[in-house]
N, C-alpha and C. Protein backbone atom coordinates (compact mmCIF):
# COMPACT_ATOMS: atom_id res chain seq x y z
N MET A 1 0.81 -1.20 0.00
CA MET A 1 0.00 0.00 0.00
C MET A 1 0.86 1.26 0.00
N LEU A 2 2.00 1.24 0.66
CA LEU A 2 2.84 2.44 0.76
C LEU A 2 4.01 2.45 -0.22
N ARG A 3 4.25 1.36 -0.92
CA ARG A 3 5.39 1.30 -1.84
C ARG A 3 5.32 2.47 -2.83
N GLY A 4 6.43 3.21 -2.93
CA GLY A 4 6.51 4.33 -3.85
C GLY A 4 5.91 5.62 -3.31
N ARG A 5 5.47 5.61 -2.07
CA ARG A 5 4.88 6.81 -1.45
C ARG A 5 5.79 7.35 -0.37
N LYS A 6 5.49 8.57 0.05
CA LYS A 6 6.15 9.17 1.20
C LYS A 6 5.33 8.84 2.44
N ALA A 7 6.03 8.58 3.56
CA ALA A 7 5.33 8.23 4.80
C ALA A 7 6.22 8.54 5.99
N THR A 8 5.60 8.62 7.15
CA THR A 8 6.34 8.78 8.39
C THR A 8 5.92 7.69 9.35
N VAL A 9 6.68 7.54 10.42
CA VAL A 9 6.43 6.52 11.43
C VAL A 9 7.12 6.99 12.71
N TYR A 10 6.73 6.43 13.85
CA TYR A 10 7.45 6.74 15.09
C TYR A 10 8.92 6.42 14.84
N PRO A 11 9.80 7.38 15.12
CA PRO A 11 11.20 7.26 14.66
C PRO A 11 12.07 6.28 15.45
N THR A 12 11.91 5.01 15.16
CA THR A 12 12.85 3.99 15.64
C THR A 12 13.53 3.39 14.43
N THR A 13 14.74 2.98 14.61
CA THR A 13 15.51 2.42 13.50
C THR A 13 14.79 1.25 12.85
N ASP A 14 14.20 0.37 13.65
CA ASP A 14 13.51 -0.80 13.10
C ASP A 14 12.34 -0.40 12.22
N LEU A 15 11.50 0.52 12.68
CA LEU A 15 10.33 0.92 11.90
C LEU A 15 10.73 1.68 10.63
N ILE A 16 11.72 2.53 10.73
CA ILE A 16 12.20 3.26 9.55
C ILE A 16 12.76 2.28 8.52
N ASN A 17 13.51 1.29 8.98
CA ASN A 17 14.07 0.28 8.07
C ASN A 17 12.98 -0.53 7.40
N ILE A 18 11.92 -0.85 8.12
CA ILE A 18 10.80 -1.58 7.51
C ILE A 18 10.22 -0.78 6.36
N LEU A 19 10.00 0.51 6.58
CA LEU A 19 9.47 1.36 5.50
C LEU A 19 10.43 1.37 4.32
N ARG A 20 11.67 1.70 4.57
CA ARG A 20 12.66 1.82 3.49
C ARG A 20 12.87 0.51 2.74
N ASN A 21 12.89 -0.61 3.46
CA ASN A 21 13.08 -1.92 2.82
C ASN A 21 11.90 -2.33 1.96
N ASN A 22 10.78 -1.63 2.13
CA ASN A 22 9.58 -1.94 1.35
C ASN A 22 9.24 -0.85 0.35
N GLY A 23 10.25 -0.04 -0.02
CA GLY A 23 10.09 0.93 -1.09
C GLY A 23 9.35 2.20 -0.71
N VAL A 24 9.36 2.53 0.57
CA VAL A 24 8.68 3.74 1.05
C VAL A 24 9.72 4.82 1.29
N ASP A 25 9.40 6.05 0.90
CA ASP A 25 10.27 7.20 1.12
C ASP A 25 9.96 7.75 2.52
N TYR A 26 10.78 7.41 3.52
CA TYR A 26 10.57 7.87 4.90
C TYR A 26 10.82 9.37 4.98
N VAL A 27 9.89 10.08 5.62
CA VAL A 27 10.00 11.53 5.84
C VAL A 27 9.89 11.76 7.34
N ASN A 28 10.85 12.48 7.92
CA ASN A 28 10.85 12.74 9.36
C ASN A 28 9.99 13.97 9.67
N GLU A 29 8.69 13.80 9.61
CA GLU A 29 7.72 14.87 9.91
C GLU A 29 6.67 14.30 10.86
N ASP A 30 5.90 15.20 11.50
CA ASP A 30 4.84 14.75 12.40
C ASP A 30 3.75 13.98 11.67
N PHE A 31 3.41 14.45 10.48
CA PHE A 31 2.45 13.73 9.64
C PHE A 31 2.80 13.96 8.18
N VAL A 32 2.46 13.01 7.35
CA VAL A 32 2.74 13.09 5.92
C VAL A 32 1.47 12.70 5.17
N ILE A 33 1.12 13.51 4.18
CA ILE A 33 -0.01 13.20 3.31
C ILE A 33 0.53 12.97 1.91
N ASP A 34 0.26 11.79 1.37
CA ASP A 34 0.68 11.46 0.01
C ASP A 34 -0.56 10.93 -0.71
N ASN A 35 -1.12 11.76 -1.58
CA ASN A 35 -2.40 11.47 -2.22
C ASN A 35 -3.46 11.26 -1.16
N ASN A 36 -4.06 10.08 -1.09
CA ASN A 36 -5.12 9.85 -0.13
C ASN A 36 -4.66 9.04 1.08
N VAL A 37 -3.34 8.97 1.32
CA VAL A 37 -2.80 8.22 2.45
C VAL A 37 -2.18 9.20 3.45
N VAL A 38 -2.59 9.09 4.71
CA VAL A 38 -2.05 9.92 5.78
C VAL A 38 -1.32 9.01 6.76
N THR A 39 -0.05 9.35 7.07
CA THR A 39 0.70 8.61 8.09
C THR A 39 1.11 9.59 9.17
N LEU A 40 1.17 9.10 10.41
CA LEU A 40 1.47 9.94 11.56
C LEU A 40 2.59 9.32 12.39
N LYS A 41 3.42 10.19 13.00
CA LYS A 41 4.43 9.71 13.93
C LYS A 41 3.77 9.19 15.20
N ARG A 42 2.80 9.94 15.67
CA ARG A 42 2.07 9.53 16.86
C ARG A 42 0.64 10.03 16.73
N MET A 43 -0.25 9.33 17.34
CA MET A 43 -1.66 9.67 17.24
C MET A 43 -2.02 10.75 18.25
N ALA A 44 -2.50 11.85 17.75
CA ALA A 44 -2.96 12.94 18.61
C ALA A 44 -3.98 13.76 17.84
N VAL A 45 -4.94 14.28 18.52
CA VAL A 45 -6.01 15.03 17.87
C VAL A 45 -5.46 16.24 17.12
N GLU A 46 -4.48 16.94 17.69
CA GLU A 46 -3.95 18.13 17.02
C GLU A 46 -3.29 17.79 15.69
N PHE A 47 -2.63 16.63 15.60
CA PHE A 47 -2.01 16.24 14.33
C PHE A 47 -3.06 15.87 13.30
N LEU A 48 -4.11 15.19 13.73
CA LEU A 48 -5.19 14.86 12.80
C LEU A 48 -5.86 16.12 12.28
N THR A 49 -6.08 17.08 13.15
CA THR A 49 -6.72 18.34 12.75
C THR A 49 -5.87 19.07 11.72
N LYS A 50 -4.55 19.13 11.95
CA LYS A 50 -3.65 19.77 10.99
C LYS A 50 -3.63 19.01 9.67
N ALA A 51 -3.57 17.69 9.74
CA ALA A 51 -3.50 16.88 8.52
C ALA A 51 -4.74 17.05 7.68
N LEU A 52 -5.89 17.06 8.29
CA LEU A 52 -7.14 17.15 7.55
C LEU A 52 -7.43 18.54 7.03
N SER A 53 -6.78 19.55 7.60
CA SER A 53 -7.03 20.93 7.14
C SER A 53 -6.19 21.29 5.93
N LYS A 54 -5.24 20.43 5.53
CA LYS A 54 -4.38 20.72 4.36
C LYS A 54 -5.11 20.45 3.07
């Protein structure tokens, strides 16, 4: 689902490597929107509000 897309994840080496090893462009941001896919570093209402307002 994320192959070829930009995404973020909670910044641990293992999780970042999983993304990169599966063809995902890891971005070190609080949230990333790539087309209709939203990824978050951590779940919080303020991040969802910011993501949805873009």
